Amino acid sequence: ERTARSGDKDAQATVKVIHKCLEHLGTD
């Protein structure tokens, strides 16, 4: 997230995938 705020597109994409993974793990 810190890197994404600088406009780094790879970091922004990484943030999206991480959120997707965390949401999935949240369903056990």
PDB file of all heavy atoms in Angstrom:
ATOM      1  N   GLU A   1       0.827  -1.207   0.000  1.00  0.00           N
ATOM      2  CA  GLU A   1       0.000   0.000   0.000  1.00  0.00           C
ATOM      3  C   GLU A   1       0.862   1.258   0.000  1.00  0.00           C
ATOM      4  O   GLU A   1       0.529   2.244  -0.670  1.00  0.00           O
ATOM      5  CB  GLU A   1      -0.943  -0.016   1.205  1.00  0.00           C
ATOM      6  CG  GLU A   1      -2.113  -0.980   1.035  1.00  0.00           C
ATOM      7  CD  GLU A   1      -3.035  -0.979   2.237  1.00  0.00           C
ATOM      8  OE1 GLU A   1      -2.551  -0.699   3.367  1.00  0.00           O
ATOM      9  OE2 GLU A   1      -4.230  -1.277   2.065  1.00  0.00           O
ATOM     10  N   ARG A   2       1.959   1.235   0.751  1.00  0.00           N
ATOM     11  CA  ARG A   2       2.847   2.405   0.768  1.00  0.00           C
ATOM     12  C   ARG A   2       3.437   2.651  -0.623  1.00  0.00           C
ATOM     13  O   ARG A   2       3.501   3.794  -1.093  1.00  0.00           O
ATOM     14  CB  ARG A   2       3.980   2.192   1.789  1.00  0.00           C
ATOM     15  CG  ARG A   2       3.539   2.278   3.233  1.00  0.00           C
ATOM     16  CD  ARG A   2       4.738   2.442   4.165  1.00  0.00           C
ATOM     17  NE  ARG A   2       5.680   1.337   4.063  1.00  0.00           N
ATOM     18  CZ  ARG A   2       5.614   0.231   4.787  1.00  0.00           C
ATOM     19  NH1 ARG A   2       4.630   0.080   5.666  1.00  0.00           N
ATOM     20  NH2 ARG A   2       6.523  -0.726   4.642  1.00  0.00           N
ATOM     21  N   THR A   3       3.850   1.574  -1.282  1.00  0.00           N
ATOM     22  CA  THR A   3       4.417   1.716  -2.628  1.00  0.00           C
ATOM     23  C   THR A   3       3.348   2.123  -3.631  1.00  0.00           C
ATOM     24  O   THR A   3       3.600   2.921  -4.546  1.00  0.00           O
ATOM     25  CB  THR A   3       5.070   0.389  -3.074  1.00  0.00           C
ATOM     26  OG1 THR A   3       5.994  -0.042  -2.068  1.00  0.00           O
ATOM     27  CG2 THR A   3       5.807   0.553  -4.393  1.00  0.00           C
ATOM     28  N   ALA A   4       2.142   1.598  -3.463  1.00  0.00           N
ATOM     29  CA  ALA A   4       1.053   1.891  -4.394  1.00  0.00           C
ATOM     30  C   ALA A   4       0.685   3.372  -4.372  1.00  0.00           C
ATOM     31  O   ALA A   4       0.290   3.940  -5.402  1.00  0.00           O
ATOM     32  CB  ALA A   4      -0.170   1.043  -4.047  1.00  0.00           C
ATOM     33  N   ARG A   5       0.812   4.013  -3.208  1.00  0.00           N
ATOM     34  CA  ARG A   5       0.460   5.440  -3.097  1.00  0.00           C
ATOM     35  C   ARG A   5       1.378   6.317  -3.939  1.00  0.00           C
ATOM     36  O   ARG A   5       1.039   7.452  -4.277  1.00  0.00           O
ATOM     37  CB  ARG A   5       0.490   5.874  -1.627  1.00  0.00           C
ATOM     38  CG  ARG A   5      -0.717   5.385  -0.822  1.00  0.00           C
ATOM     39  CD  ARG A   5      -0.825   6.101   0.522  1.00  0.00           C
ATOM     40  NE  ARG A   5       0.188   5.646   1.463  1.00  0.00           N
ATOM     41  CZ  ARG A   5       0.039   4.627   2.309  1.00  0.00           C
ATOM     42  NH1 ARG A   5      -1.105   3.955   2.318  1.00  0.00           N
ATOM     43  NH2 ARG A   5       0.999   4.296   3.144  1.00  0.00           N
ATOM     44  N   SER A   6       2.542   5.773  -4.313  1.00  0.00           N
ATOM     45  CA  SER A   6       3.458   6.546  -5.160  1.00  0.00           C
ATOM     46  C   SER A   6       3.101   6.427  -6.636  1.00  0.00           C
ATOM     47  O   SER A   6       3.754   7.023  -7.495  1.00  0.00           O
ATOM     48  CB  SER A   6       4.897   6.066  -4.938  1.00  0.00           C
ATOM     49  OG  SER A   6       5.070   4.758  -5.465  1.00  0.00           O
ATOM     50  N   GLY A   7       2.059   5.636  -6.930  1.00  0.00           N
ATOM     51  CA  GLY A   7       1.632   5.462  -8.314  1.00  0.00           C
ATOM     52  C   GLY A   7       2.177   4.223  -8.990  1.00  0.00           C
ATOM     53  O   GLY A   7       1.944   4.013 -10.188  1.00  0.00           O
ATOM     54  N   ASP A   8       2.892   3.397  -8.255  1.00  0.00           N
ATOM     55  CA  ASP A   8       3.461   2.172  -8.827  1.00  0.00           C
ATOM     56  C   ASP A   8       2.332   1.204  -9.212  1.00  0.00           C
ATOM     57  O   ASP A   8       1.577   0.735  -8.343  1.00  0.00           O
ATOM     58  CB  ASP A   8       4.396   1.527  -7.798  1.00  0.00           C
ATOM     59  CG  ASP A   8       5.156   0.345  -8.375  1.00  0.00           C
ATOM     60  OD1 ASP A   8       4.509  -0.679  -8.676  1.00  0.00           O
ATOM     61  OD2 ASP A   8       6.394   0.425  -8.521  1.00  0.00           O
ATOM     62  N   LYS A   9       2.223   0.892 -10.503  1.00  0.00           N
ATOM     63  CA  LYS A   9       1.108   0.070 -10.985  1.00  0.00           C
ATOM     64  C   LYS A   9       1.202  -1.376 -10.507  1.00  0.00           C
ATOM     65  O   LYS A   9       0.178  -2.006 -10.209  1.00  0.00           O
ATOM     66  CB  LYS A   9       1.049   0.122 -12.507  1.00  0.00           C
ATOM     67  CG  LYS A   9       0.642   1.487 -13.040  1.00  0.00           C
ATOM     68  CD  LYS A   9       0.484   1.484 -14.555  1.00  0.00           C
ATOM     69  CE  LYS A   9       0.027   2.844 -15.053  1.00  0.00           C
ATOM     70  NZ  LYS A   9      -0.133   2.860 -16.534  1.00  0.00           N
ATOM     71  N   ASP A  10       2.421  -1.920 -10.447  1.00  0.00           N
ATOM     72  CA  ASP A  10       2.573  -3.290  -9.952  1.00  0.00           C
ATOM     73  C   ASP A  10       2.134  -3.392  -8.493  1.00  0.00           C
ATOM     74  O   ASP A  10       1.474  -4.360  -8.097  1.00  0.00           O
ATOM     75  CB  ASP A  10       4.020  -3.759 -10.088  1.00  0.00           C
ATOM     76  CG  ASP A  10       4.386  -4.123 -11.518  1.00  0.00           C
ATOM     77  OD1 ASP A  10       3.454  -4.331 -12.332  1.00  0.00           O
ATOM     78  OD2 ASP A  10       5.592  -4.200 -11.828  1.00  0.00           O
ATOM     79  N   ALA A  11       2.512  -2.399  -7.709  1.00  0.00           N
ATOM     80  CA  ALA A  11       2.116  -2.396  -6.293  1.00  0.00           C
ATOM     81  C   ALA A  11       0.606  -2.274  -6.157  1.00  0.00           C
ATOM     82  O   ALA A  11      -0.012  -2.917  -5.291  1.00  0.00           O
ATOM     83  CB  ALA A  11       2.819  -1.265  -5.558  1.00  0.00           C
ATOM     84  N   GLN A  12      -0.008  -1.450  -7.020  1.00  0.00           N
ATOM     85  CA  GLN A  12      -1.462  -1.302  -6.979  1.00  0.00           C
ATOM     86  C   GLN A  12      -2.152  -2.625  -7.299  1.00  0.00           C
ATOM     87  O   GLN A  12      -3.146  -3.000  -6.671  1.00  0.00           O
ATOM     88  CB  GLN A  12      -1.898  -0.206  -7.950  1.00  0.00           C
ATOM     89  CG  GLN A  12      -1.462   1.192  -7.515  1.00  0.00           C
ATOM     90  CD  GLN A  12      -1.692   2.235  -8.599  1.00  0.00           C
ATOM     91  OE1 GLN A  12      -2.033   1.916  -9.738  1.00  0.00           O
ATOM     92  NE2 GLN A  12      -1.494   3.511  -8.243  1.00  0.00           N
ATOM     93  N   ALA A  13      -1.608  -3.335  -8.292  1.00  0.00           N
ATOM     94  CA  ALA A  13      -2.178  -4.637  -8.652  1.00  0.00           C
ATOM     95  C   ALA A  13      -1.973  -5.638  -7.520  1.00  0.00           C
ATOM     96  O   ALA A  13      -2.855  -6.452  -7.224  1.00  0.00           O
ATOM     97  CB  ALA A  13      -1.534  -5.147  -9.935  1.00  0.00           C
ATOM     98  N   THR A  14      -0.810  -5.557  -6.872  1.00  0.00           N
ATOM     99  CA  THR A  14      -0.522  -6.465  -5.754  1.00  0.00           C
ATOM    100  C   THR A  14      -1.507  -6.252  -4.616  1.00  0.00           C
ATOM    101  O   THR A  14      -2.009  -7.211  -4.021  1.00  0.00           O
ATOM    102  CB  THR A  14       0.918  -6.240  -5.247  1.00  0.00           C
ATOM    103  OG1 THR A  14       1.834  -6.507  -6.308  1.00  0.00           O
ATOM    104  CG2 THR A  14       1.227  -7.142  -4.062  1.00  0.00           C
ATOM    105  N   VAL A  15      -1.819  -4.994  -4.324  1.00  0.00           N
ATOM    106  CA  VAL A  15      -2.781  -4.675  -3.267  1.00  0.00           C
ATOM    107  C   VAL A  15      -4.132  -5.325  -3.562  1.00  0.00           C
ATOM    108  O   VAL A  15      -4.772  -5.917  -2.673  1.00  0.00           O
ATOM    109  CB  VAL A  15      -2.935  -3.148  -3.108  1.00  0.00           C
ATOM    110  CG1 VAL A  15      -4.137  -2.809  -2.221  1.00  0.00           C
ATOM    111  CG2 VAL A  15      -1.657  -2.543  -2.541  1.00  0.00           C
ATOM    112  N   LYS A  16      -4.567  -5.255  -4.809  1.00  0.00           N
ATOM    113  CA  LYS A  16      -5.859  -5.846  -5.182  1.00  0.00           C
ATOM    114  C   LYS A  16      -5.861  -7.354  -4.973  1.00  0.00           C
ATOM    115  O   LYS A  16      -6.827  -7.924  -4.456  1.00  0.00           O
ATOM    116  CB  LYS A  16      -6.178  -5.519  -6.645  1.00  0.00           C
ATOM    117  CG  LYS A  16      -6.528  -4.068  -6.900  1.00  0.00           C
ATOM    118  CD  LYS A  16      -6.863  -3.836  -8.374  1.00  0.00           C
ATOM    119  CE  LYS A  16      -7.205  -2.377  -8.630  1.00  0.00           C
ATOM    120  NZ  LYS A  16      -7.517  -2.136 -10.071  1.00  0.00           N
ATOM    121  N   VAL A  17      -4.773  -8.001  -5.373  1.00  0.00           N
ATOM    122  CA  VAL A  17      -4.708  -9.461  -5.233  1.00  0.00           C
ATOM    123  C   VAL A  17      -4.646  -9.857  -3.763  1.00  0.00           C
ATOM    124  O   VAL A  17      -5.289 -10.827  -3.337  1.00  0.00           O
ATOM    125  CB  VAL A  17      -3.488 -10.027  -5.998  1.00  0.00           C
ATOM    126  CG1 VAL A  17      -3.388 -11.541  -5.789  1.00  0.00           C
ATOM    127  CG2 VAL A  17      -3.585  -9.722  -7.481  1.00  0.00           C
ATOM    128  N   ILE A  18      -3.899  -9.090  -2.963  1.00  0.00           N
ATOM    129  CA  ILE A  18      -3.814  -9.394  -1.534  1.00  0.00           C
ATOM    130  C   ILE A  18      -5.184  -9.288  -0.887  1.00  0.00           C
ATOM    131  O   ILE A  18      -5.590 -10.155  -0.092  1.00  0.00           O
ATOM    132  CB  ILE A  18      -2.806  -8.468  -0.829  1.00  0.00           C
ATOM    133  CG1 ILE A  18      -1.376  -8.813  -1.271  1.00  0.00           C
ATOM    134  CG2 ILE A  18      -2.936  -8.582   0.692  1.00  0.00           C
ATOM    135  CD1 ILE A  18      -0.315  -7.876  -0.717  1.00  0.00           C
ATOM    136  N   HIS A  19      -5.938  -8.237  -1.210  1.00  0.00           N
ATOM    137  CA  HIS A  19      -7.289  -8.087  -0.658  1.00  0.00           C
ATOM    138  C   HIS A  19      -8.175  -9.261  -1.077  1.00  0.00           C
ATOM    139  O   HIS A  19      -8.961  -9.775  -0.271  1.00  0.00           O
ATOM    140  CB  HIS A  19      -7.906  -6.767  -1.129  1.00  0.00           C
ATOM    141  CG  HIS A  19      -7.480  -5.578  -0.313  1.00  0.00           C
ATOM    142  ND1 HIS A  19      -7.715  -5.482   1.041  1.00  0.00           N
ATOM    143  CD2 HIS A  19      -6.830  -4.435  -0.669  1.00  0.00           C
ATOM    144  CE1 HIS A  19      -7.241  -4.334   1.488  1.00  0.00           C
ATOM    145  NE2 HIS A  19      -6.696  -3.678   0.474  1.00  0.00           N
ATOM    146  N   LYS A  20      -8.019  -9.683  -2.317  1.00  0.00           N
ATOM    147  CA  LYS A  20      -8.800 -10.807  -2.818  1.00  0.00           C
ATOM    148  C   LYS A  20      -8.492 -12.074  -2.021  1.00  0.00           C
ATOM    149  O   LYS A  20      -9.395 -12.837  -1.653  1.00  0.00           O
ATOM    150  CB  LYS A  20      -8.483 -11.017  -4.303  1.00  0.00           C
ATOM    151  CG  LYS A  20      -9.430 -11.934  -5.048  1.00  0.00           C
ATOM    152  CD  LYS A  20      -9.107 -11.896  -6.549  1.00  0.00           C
ATOM    153  CE  LYS A  20     -10.078 -12.749  -7.349  1.00  0.00           C
ATOM    154  NZ  LYS A  20      -9.790 -12.654  -8.818  1.00  0.00           N
ATOM    155  N   CYS A  21      -7.219 -12.281  -1.724  1.00  0.00           N
ATOM    156  CA  CYS A  21      -6.796 -13.457  -0.956  1.00  0.00           C
ATOM    157  C   CYS A  21      -7.296 -13.392   0.485  1.00  0.00           C
ATOM    158  O   CYS A  21      -7.769 -14.391   1.039  1.00  0.00           O
ATOM    159  CB  CYS A  21      -5.278 -13.580  -0.971  1.00  0.00           C
ATOM    160  SG  CYS A  21      -4.575 -14.010  -2.576  1.00  0.00           S
ATOM    161  N   LEU A  22      -7.183 -12.214   1.098  1.00  0.00           N
ATOM    162  CA  LEU A  22      -7.621 -12.063   2.482  1.00  0.00           C
ATOM    163  C   LEU A  22      -9.129 -12.272   2.617  1.00  0.00           C
ATOM    164  O   LEU A  22      -9.603 -12.885   3.588  1.00  0.00           O
ATOM    165  CB  LEU A  22      -7.227 -10.687   3.017  1.00  0.00           C
ATOM    166  CG  LEU A  22      -5.738 -10.494   3.326  1.00  0.00           C
ATOM    167  CD1 LEU A  22      -5.429  -9.030   3.628  1.00  0.00           C
ATOM    168  CD2 LEU A  22      -5.306 -11.382   4.496  1.00  0.00           C
ATOM    169  N   GLU A  23      -9.884 -11.779   1.645  1.00  0.00           N
ATOM    170  CA  GLU A  23     -11.336 -11.991   1.668  1.00  0.00           C
ATOM    171  C   GLU A  23     -11.660 -13.480   1.573  1.00  0.00           C
ATOM    172  O   GLU A  23     -12.557 -13.986   2.258  1.00  0.00           O
ATOM    173  CB  GLU A  23     -11.991 -11.238   0.507  1.00  0.00           C
ATOM    174  CG  GLU A  23     -12.007  -9.724   0.691  1.00  0.00           C
ATOM    175  CD  GLU A  23     -12.519  -8.996  -0.542  1.00  0.00           C
ATOM    176  OE1 GLU A  23     -12.998  -9.690  -1.475  1.00  0.00           O
ATOM    177  OE2 GLU A  23     -12.423  -7.761  -0.574  1.00  0.00           O
ATOM    178  N   HIS A  24     -10.908 -14.192   0.731  1.00  0.00           N
ATOM    179  CA  HIS A  24     -11.144 -15.631   0.567  1.00  0.00           C
ATOM    180  C   HIS A  24     -10.800 -16.381   1.849  1.00  0.00           C
ATOM    181  O   HIS A  24     -11.558 -17.252   2.295  1.00  0.00           O
ATOM    182  CB  HIS A  24     -10.305 -16.150  -0.600  1.00  0.00           C
ATOM    183  CG  HIS A  24     -10.615 -17.563  -0.978  1.00  0.00           C
ATOM    184  ND1 HIS A  24     -11.740 -17.912  -1.690  1.00  0.00           N
ATOM    185  CD2 HIS A  24      -9.946 -18.729  -0.725  1.00  0.00           C
ATOM    186  CE1 HIS A  24     -11.753 -19.222  -1.880  1.00  0.00           C
ATOM    187  NE2 HIS A  24     -10.679 -19.739  -1.298  1.00  0.00           N
ATOM    188  N   LEU A  25      -9.659 -16.054   2.458  1.00  0.00           N
ATOM    189  CA  LEU A  25      -9.275 -16.705   3.705  1.00  0.00           C
ATOM    190  C   LEU A  25     -10.273 -16.389   4.820  1.00  0.00           C
ATOM    191  O   LEU A  25     -10.475 -17.208   5.724  1.00  0.00           O
ATOM    192  CB  LEU A  25      -7.869 -16.250   4.118  1.00  0.00           C
ATOM    193  CG  LEU A  25      -6.721 -16.788   3.257  1.00  0.00           C
ATOM    194  CD1 LEU A  25      -5.434 -16.023   3.542  1.00  0.00           C
ATOM    195  CD2 LEU A  25      -6.513 -18.272   3.506  1.00  0.00           C
ATOM    196  N   GLY A  26     -10.903 -15.227   4.732  1.00  0.00           N
ATOM    197  CA  GLY A  26     -11.905 -14.852   5.718  1.00  0.00           C
ATOM    198  C   GLY A  26     -13.137 -15.735   5.697  1.00  0.00           C
ATOM    199  O   GLY A  26     -13.921 -15.743   6.656  1.00  0.00           O
ATOM    200  N   THR A  27     -13.312 -16.499   4.644  1.00  0.00           N
ATOM    201  CA  THR A  27     -14.431 -17.449   4.553  1.00  0.00           C
ATOM    202  C   THR A  27     -14.021 -18.837   5.030  1.00  0.00           C
ATOM    203  O   THR A  27     -14.747 -19.811   4.817  1.00  0.00           O
ATOM    204  CB  THR A  27     -14.949 -17.545   3.102  1.00  0.00           C
ATOM    205  OG1 THR A  27     -13.928 -18.139   2.274  1.00  0.00           O
ATOM    206  CG2 THR A  27     -15.314 -16.176   2.559  1.00  0.00           C
ATOM    207  N   ASP A  28     -12.842 -18.941   5.658  1.00  0.00           N
ATOM    208  CA  ASP A  28     -12.295 -20.219   6.144  1.00  0.00           C
ATOM    209  C   ASP A  28     -12.021 -21.192   5.003  1.00  0.00           C
ATOM    210  O   ASP A  28     -12.179 -22.412   5.160  1.00  0.00           O
ATOM    211  CB  ASP A  28     -13.221 -20.876   7.170  1.00  0.00           C
ATOM    212  CG  ASP A  28     -13.257 -20.117   8.478  1.00  0.00           C
ATOM    213  OD1 ASP A  28     -12.231 -19.488   8.825  1.00  0.00           O
ATOM    214  OD2 ASP A  28     -14.303 -20.126   9.148  1.00  0.00           O
TER     215      ASP A  28
END
